[in-house]
């Protein structure tokens, strides 16, 4: 897949991460290892606002000092670098989490905060893609229901919650993305996880930000199952909107669900 045409993107140079990628590959093989893996910076995020990692603080503060309201990074909202299991067979790549009025109320909910922080640490739970948890409401849940709705109807909500992971190019929320030149140390972890997952990914959908993603992770351009939606405005994963990638996504999610079922210990009689 070729990057979209237009103004040349001059974002951060992201070097090959060598040992970082190797550690990410081990993490993908055992997601729970992220609780102890020193590479994952999200273990260190504090429990109170402003929600910004220490290693990102200087760059984020400098950016926000001159940003307009629409592009200011909202540090009262928990960062969401990824949603779902890092080893999920279907990857969605987006730009950054948005901001809606309902987000501020949601992010003060203690149960929701626990879900986000558990995802940061990749703790095992029933709803790794937490926006599909029926108990979660708000803008993120509505967005996920729309984008993933056809997959949910095809294979079931629990299978999708375990089989899809959303990676954000930038982990912090804003109302509009205009952060092409902003380089954060925390991004290296997500980029490394995407690299490490490519070898076994059933389908990768670049829903937003083809150019920044392919410059940060050039290996995406060589991936045989890299797809885009037919519409750049409507990024719903469906047979009509993703005719080339739909079958791969469904097969990958079903295969992962079957493996999960067979790996469960038998019930005691």
Protein backbone atom coordinates (compact mmCIF):
# COMPACT_ATOMS: atom_id res chain seq x y z
CA UNK A 1 0.00 0.00 0.00
CA UNK A 2 1.29 3.44 -0.91
CA UNK A 3 1.10 6.42 1.44
CA UNK A 4 -1.57 8.95 0.61
CA UNK A 5 -0.52 11.82 -1.64
CA UNK A 6 -0.29 15.40 -0.45
CA UNK A 7 2.06 17.54 1.56
CA UNK A 8 5.14 15.60 2.56
CA UNK A 9 4.95 14.55 6.20
CA UNK A 10 7.99 15.61 8.20
CA UNK A 11 7.33 13.98 11.51
CA UNK A 12 9.80 12.42 13.93
CA UNK A 13 12.44 10.05 12.65
CA UNK A 14 11.81 6.73 14.35
CA UNK A 15 14.89 4.50 14.22
CA UNK A 16 14.86 0.73 14.07
CA UNK A 17 14.54 -0.14 17.73
CA UNK A 18 16.61 -3.32 17.79
CA UNK A 19 16.43 -4.66 21.31
CA UNK A 20 13.18 -2.83 21.90
CA UNK A 21 11.54 -4.82 19.09
CA UNK A 22 12.98 -8.06 20.44
CA UNK A 23 11.54 -7.33 23.89
CA UNK A 24 8.23 -6.40 22.30
CA UNK A 25 8.19 -9.74 20.48
CA UNK A 26 8.59 -11.53 23.81
CA UNK A 27 5.82 -9.36 25.25
CA UNK A 28 3.48 -10.27 22.38
CA UNK A 29 4.18 -13.96 23.01
CA UNK A 30 3.07 -13.46 26.62
CA UNK A 31 1.01 -10.27 27.04
CA UNK A 32 0.83 -10.62 30.81
CA UNK A 33 4.58 -10.17 30.93
CA UNK A 34 3.94 -6.47 30.33
CA UNK A 35 3.14 -6.17 34.02
CA UNK A 36 6.83 -6.73 34.69
CA UNK A 37 8.40 -5.74 31.37
CA UNK A 38 10.44 -2.57 31.93
CA UNK A 39 9.91 -1.51 28.33
CA UNK A 40 6.23 -0.67 28.84
CA UNK A 41 6.20 2.95 30.04
CA UNK A 42 2.49 2.93 30.90
CA UNK A 43 3.06 1.10 34.21
CA UNK A 44 4.30 4.39 35.61
CA UNK A 45 1.31 6.58 34.81
CA UNK A 46 0.08 8.19 38.01
CA UNK A 47 -3.48 7.78 39.32
CA UNK A 48 -4.34 11.48 39.20
CA UNK A 49 -4.50 14.23 36.58
CA UNK A 50 -2.65 15.63 34.79
CA UNK A 51 -2.27 12.27 33.04
CA UNK A 52 1.06 12.46 31.27
CA UNK A 53 4.09 10.20 31.47
CA UNK A 54 7.23 11.71 32.95
CA UNK A 55 9.17 11.02 29.74
CA UNK A 56 6.53 12.85 27.68
CA UNK A 57 5.97 15.74 30.07
CA UNK A 58 8.44 18.25 28.63
CA UNK A 59 7.38 17.74 25.00
CA UNK A 60 3.67 17.77 25.82
CA UNK A 61 3.97 20.90 27.97
CA UNK A 62 5.91 22.69 25.25
CA UNK A 63 3.32 21.73 22.63
CA UNK A 64 0.35 22.78 24.77
CA UNK A 65 1.91 26.14 25.56
CA UNK A 66 1.22 27.33 22.01
CA UNK A 67 -1.61 25.01 20.94
CA UNK A 68 -5.10 26.26 20.15
CA UNK A 69 -8.02 24.71 22.03
CA UNK A 70 -8.82 22.26 19.23
CA UNK A 71 -5.36 20.68 19.21
CA UNK A 72 -4.42 21.02 22.89
CA UNK A 73 -3.67 17.63 24.45
CA UNK A 74 -6.27 17.06 27.17
CA UNK A 75 -4.36 15.84 30.20
CA UNK A 76 -7.50 15.50 32.29
CA UNK A 77 -8.33 12.41 30.22
CA UNK A 78 -6.45 9.15 30.57
CA UNK A 79 -4.13 8.49 27.63
CA UNK A 80 -5.19 5.52 25.50
CA UNK A 81 -2.15 4.34 23.51
CA UNK A 82 -3.91 1.05 22.76
CA UNK A 83 -7.24 -0.61 23.47
CA UNK A 84 -7.30 -4.40 23.53
CA UNK A 85 -4.88 -7.29 23.79
CA UNK A 86 -1.55 -6.49 22.17
CA UNK A 87 -1.53 -9.98 20.63
CA UNK A 88 -4.97 -9.65 19.00
CA UNK A 89 -4.99 -10.90 15.39
CA UNK A 90 -6.72 -7.81 13.97
CA UNK A 91 -5.08 -4.39 14.36
CA UNK A 92 -6.67 -1.01 13.81
CA UNK A 93 -4.26 1.92 13.47
CA UNK A 94 -5.60 5.40 14.20
CA UNK A 95 -4.17 8.85 14.91
CA UNK A 96 -5.15 9.74 18.47
CA UNK A 97 -8.16 9.49 20.77
CA UNK A 98 -10.59 12.32 20.32
CA UNK A 99 -12.47 14.49 22.79
CA UNK A 100 -16.21 14.70 23.31
CA UNK A 101 -18.04 16.29 26.20
CA UNK A 102 -19.03 12.87 27.52
CA UNK A 103 -15.39 11.82 27.81
CA UNK A 104 -14.73 14.02 30.83
CA UNK A 105 -17.51 12.42 32.85
CA UNK A 106 -16.49 8.92 31.73
CA UNK A 107 -12.86 9.42 32.69
CA UNK A 108 -13.82 10.36 36.25
CA UNK A 109 -15.58 7.00 36.65
CA UNK A 110 -13.42 4.77 38.84
CA UNK A 111 -14.50 1.55 37.16
CA UNK A 112 -13.60 2.95 33.75
CA UNK A 113 -10.24 4.18 35.02
CA UNK A 114 -9.48 0.69 36.31
CA UNK A 115 -10.28 -0.74 32.88
CA UNK A 116 -7.95 1.69 31.10
CA UNK A 117 -5.09 1.17 33.56
CA UNK A 118 -5.54 -2.61 33.37
CA UNK A 119 -5.21 -2.34 29.59
CA UNK A 120 -2.04 -0.27 30.00
CA UNK A 121 -0.61 -3.13 32.06
CA UNK A 122 -2.17 -5.80 29.81
CA UNK A 123 -3.85 -7.52 32.72
CA UNK A 124 -6.05 -10.47 31.82
CA UNK A 125 -9.78 -9.68 31.89
CA UNK A 126 -13.03 -10.58 30.15
CA UNK A 127 -13.17 -7.40 28.04
CA UNK A 128 -9.66 -6.47 26.84
CA UNK A 129 -11.22 -4.15 24.24
CA UNK A 130 -13.02 -2.39 27.07
CA UNK A 131 -15.28 -0.20 24.95
CA UNK A 132 -17.20 -3.34 23.96
CA UNK A 133 -17.95 -4.15 27.60
CA UNK A 134 -21.73 -3.68 27.93
CA UNK A 135 -21.10 -1.81 31.18
CA UNK A 136 -19.13 0.93 29.40
CA UNK A 137 -21.02 3.82 27.83
CA UNK A 138 -20.02 7.13 26.28
CA UNK A 139 -18.42 8.35 23.06
CA UNK A 140 -15.79 5.60 22.82
CA UNK A 141 -18.38 2.87 23.25
CA UNK A 142 -20.60 4.42 20.57
CA UNK A 143 -17.66 4.79 18.17
CA UNK A 144 -16.60 1.18 18.74
CA UNK A 145 -20.14 -0.11 18.28
CA UNK A 146 -20.31 1.65 14.91
CA UNK A 147 -16.84 0.74 13.64
CA UNK A 148 -16.83 -2.85 14.92
CA UNK A 149 -20.56 -3.51 14.72
CA UNK A 150 -20.44 -5.67 11.56
CA UNK A 151 -17.67 -7.82 13.08
CA UNK A 152 -19.65 -8.17 16.30
CA UNK A 153 -22.71 -9.35 14.35
CA UNK A 154 -20.57 -11.79 12.37
CA UNK A 155 -18.52 -13.46 15.12
CA UNK A 156 -19.91 -12.22 18.46
CA UNK A 157 -18.98 -9.41 20.80
CA UNK A 158 -16.69 -11.44 23.08
CA UNK A 159 -14.67 -12.76 20.15
CA UNK A 160 -14.19 -9.22 18.84
CA UNK A 161 -13.29 -7.89 22.30
CA UNK A 162 -10.44 -10.42 22.43
CA UNK A 163 -9.58 -10.37 18.73
CA UNK A 164 -9.18 -6.68 17.93
CA UNK A 165 -6.64 -4.15 19.19
CA UNK A 166 -6.67 -0.44 18.42
CA UNK A 167 -3.31 1.37 18.38
CA UNK A 168 -3.21 5.16 18.48
CA UNK A 169 -0.30 6.95 16.80
CA UNK A 170 -0.41 9.52 19.61
CA UNK A 171 -1.75 8.36 23.00
CA UNK A 172 -3.14 11.67 24.31
CA UNK A 173 -6.61 13.03 23.58
CA UNK A 174 -7.34 16.11 21.49
CA UNK A 175 -10.34 17.46 19.61
CA UNK A 176 -8.39 17.58 16.35
CA UNK A 177 -5.16 15.92 15.24
CA UNK A 178 -2.38 18.32 14.28
CA UNK A 179 0.58 16.68 15.94
CA UNK A 180 2.66 15.48 12.99
CA UNK A 181 5.81 17.16 14.31
CA UNK A 182 5.34 16.12 17.92
CA UNK A 183 7.66 13.28 18.91
CA UNK A 184 7.09 11.50 22.23
CA UNK A 185 9.25 8.86 23.85
CA UNK A 186 6.17 6.81 24.75
CA UNK A 187 5.34 6.31 21.06
CA UNK A 188 8.31 3.97 20.66
CA UNK A 189 6.55 1.29 22.70
CA UNK A 190 3.45 1.25 20.50
CA UNK A 191 5.51 1.32 17.32
CA UNK A 192 7.59 -1.60 18.58
CA UNK A 193 4.48 -3.59 19.52
CA UNK A 194 3.01 -3.07 16.04
CA UNK A 195 6.29 -4.22 14.47
CA UNK A 196 6.45 -7.29 16.69
CA UNK A 197 2.84 -8.25 15.91
CA UNK A 198 3.04 -8.01 12.13
CA UNK A 199 4.35 -11.52 11.57
CA UNK A 200 1.16 -13.10 12.88
CA UNK A 201 -1.41 -10.38 12.25
CA UNK A 202 -4.42 -11.65 10.30
CA UNK A 203 -5.36 -8.16 9.16
CA UNK A 204 -4.09 -4.62 9.72
CA UNK A 205 -6.43 -1.71 8.98
CA UNK A 206 -4.97 1.80 8.80
CA UNK A 207 -8.12 3.73 9.61
CA UNK A 208 -6.45 7.13 9.96
CA UNK A 209 -2.94 8.47 9.32
CA UNK A 210 -1.44 6.28 6.59
CA UNK A 211 1.61 8.47 6.13
CA UNK A 212 2.65 8.93 9.77
CA UNK A 213 2.08 5.24 10.52
CA UNK A 214 4.03 3.96 7.54
CA UNK A 215 6.89 6.34 8.25
CA UNK A 216 7.01 5.26 11.90
CA UNK A 217 6.67 1.56 11.02
CA UNK A 218 7.92 1.13 7.42
CA UNK A 219 7.42 -2.64 7.67
CA UNK A 220 3.69 -1.97 7.29
CA UNK A 221 4.20 -1.25 3.59
CA UNK A 222 5.48 -4.78 3.05
CA UNK A 223 2.74 -6.50 5.02
CA UNK A 224 0.57 -8.71 2.76
CA UNK A 225 -2.57 -8.09 4.78
CA UNK A 226 -2.52 -4.31 5.13
CA UNK A 227 -5.88 -2.76 4.30
CA UNK A 228 -7.72 0.55 4.19
CA UNK A 229 -11.41 1.24 4.29
CA UNK A 230 -13.08 2.26 1.02
CA UNK A 231 -14.24 5.48 2.68
CA UNK A 232 -11.84 7.72 4.56
CA UNK A 233 -14.74 9.29 6.46
CA UNK A 234 -16.51 6.08 7.37
CA UNK A 235 -14.01 3.61 8.84
CA UNK A 236 -16.49 0.88 9.75
CA UNK A 237 -14.96 -2.57 9.28
CA UNK A 238 -17.53 -4.24 7.04
CA UNK A 239 -17.66 -6.35 3.85
CA UNK A 240 -18.68 -3.34 1.81
CA UNK A 241 -16.23 -0.86 3.32
CA UNK A 242 -13.31 -3.33 3.57
CA UNK A 243 -13.93 -5.81 0.74
CA UNK A 244 -10.30 -6.97 0.60
CA UNK A 245 -9.71 -7.30 4.33
CA UNK A 246 -13.05 -8.49 5.67
CA UNK A 247 -12.49 -12.22 5.18
CA UNK A 248 -9.00 -12.06 6.72
CA UNK A 249 -10.32 -10.19 9.77
CA UNK A 250 -13.20 -12.61 10.35
CA UNK A 251 -10.97 -15.66 9.91
CA UNK A 252 -8.34 -14.27 12.29
CA UNK A 253 -10.84 -13.45 15.02
CA UNK A 254 -12.54 -16.85 14.70
CA UNK A 255 -9.24 -18.69 14.82
CA UNK A 256 -8.18 -16.80 17.95
CA UNK A 257 -11.56 -17.49 19.59
CA UNK A 258 -11.25 -21.21 18.85
CA UNK A 259 -7.74 -21.30 20.29
CA UNK A 260 -8.92 -19.49 23.39
CA UNK A 261 -11.72 -22.03 23.87
CA UNK A 262 -9.41 -25.03 23.49
CA UNK A 263 -6.86 -23.55 25.89
CA UNK A 264 -9.35 -23.12 28.70
CA UNK A 265 -9.06 -25.71 31.48
CA UNK A 266 -11.90 -28.26 31.51
CA UNK A 267 -14.75 -27.65 33.91
CA UNK A 268 -14.79 -29.80 37.01
CA UNK A 269 -17.61 -32.26 37.26
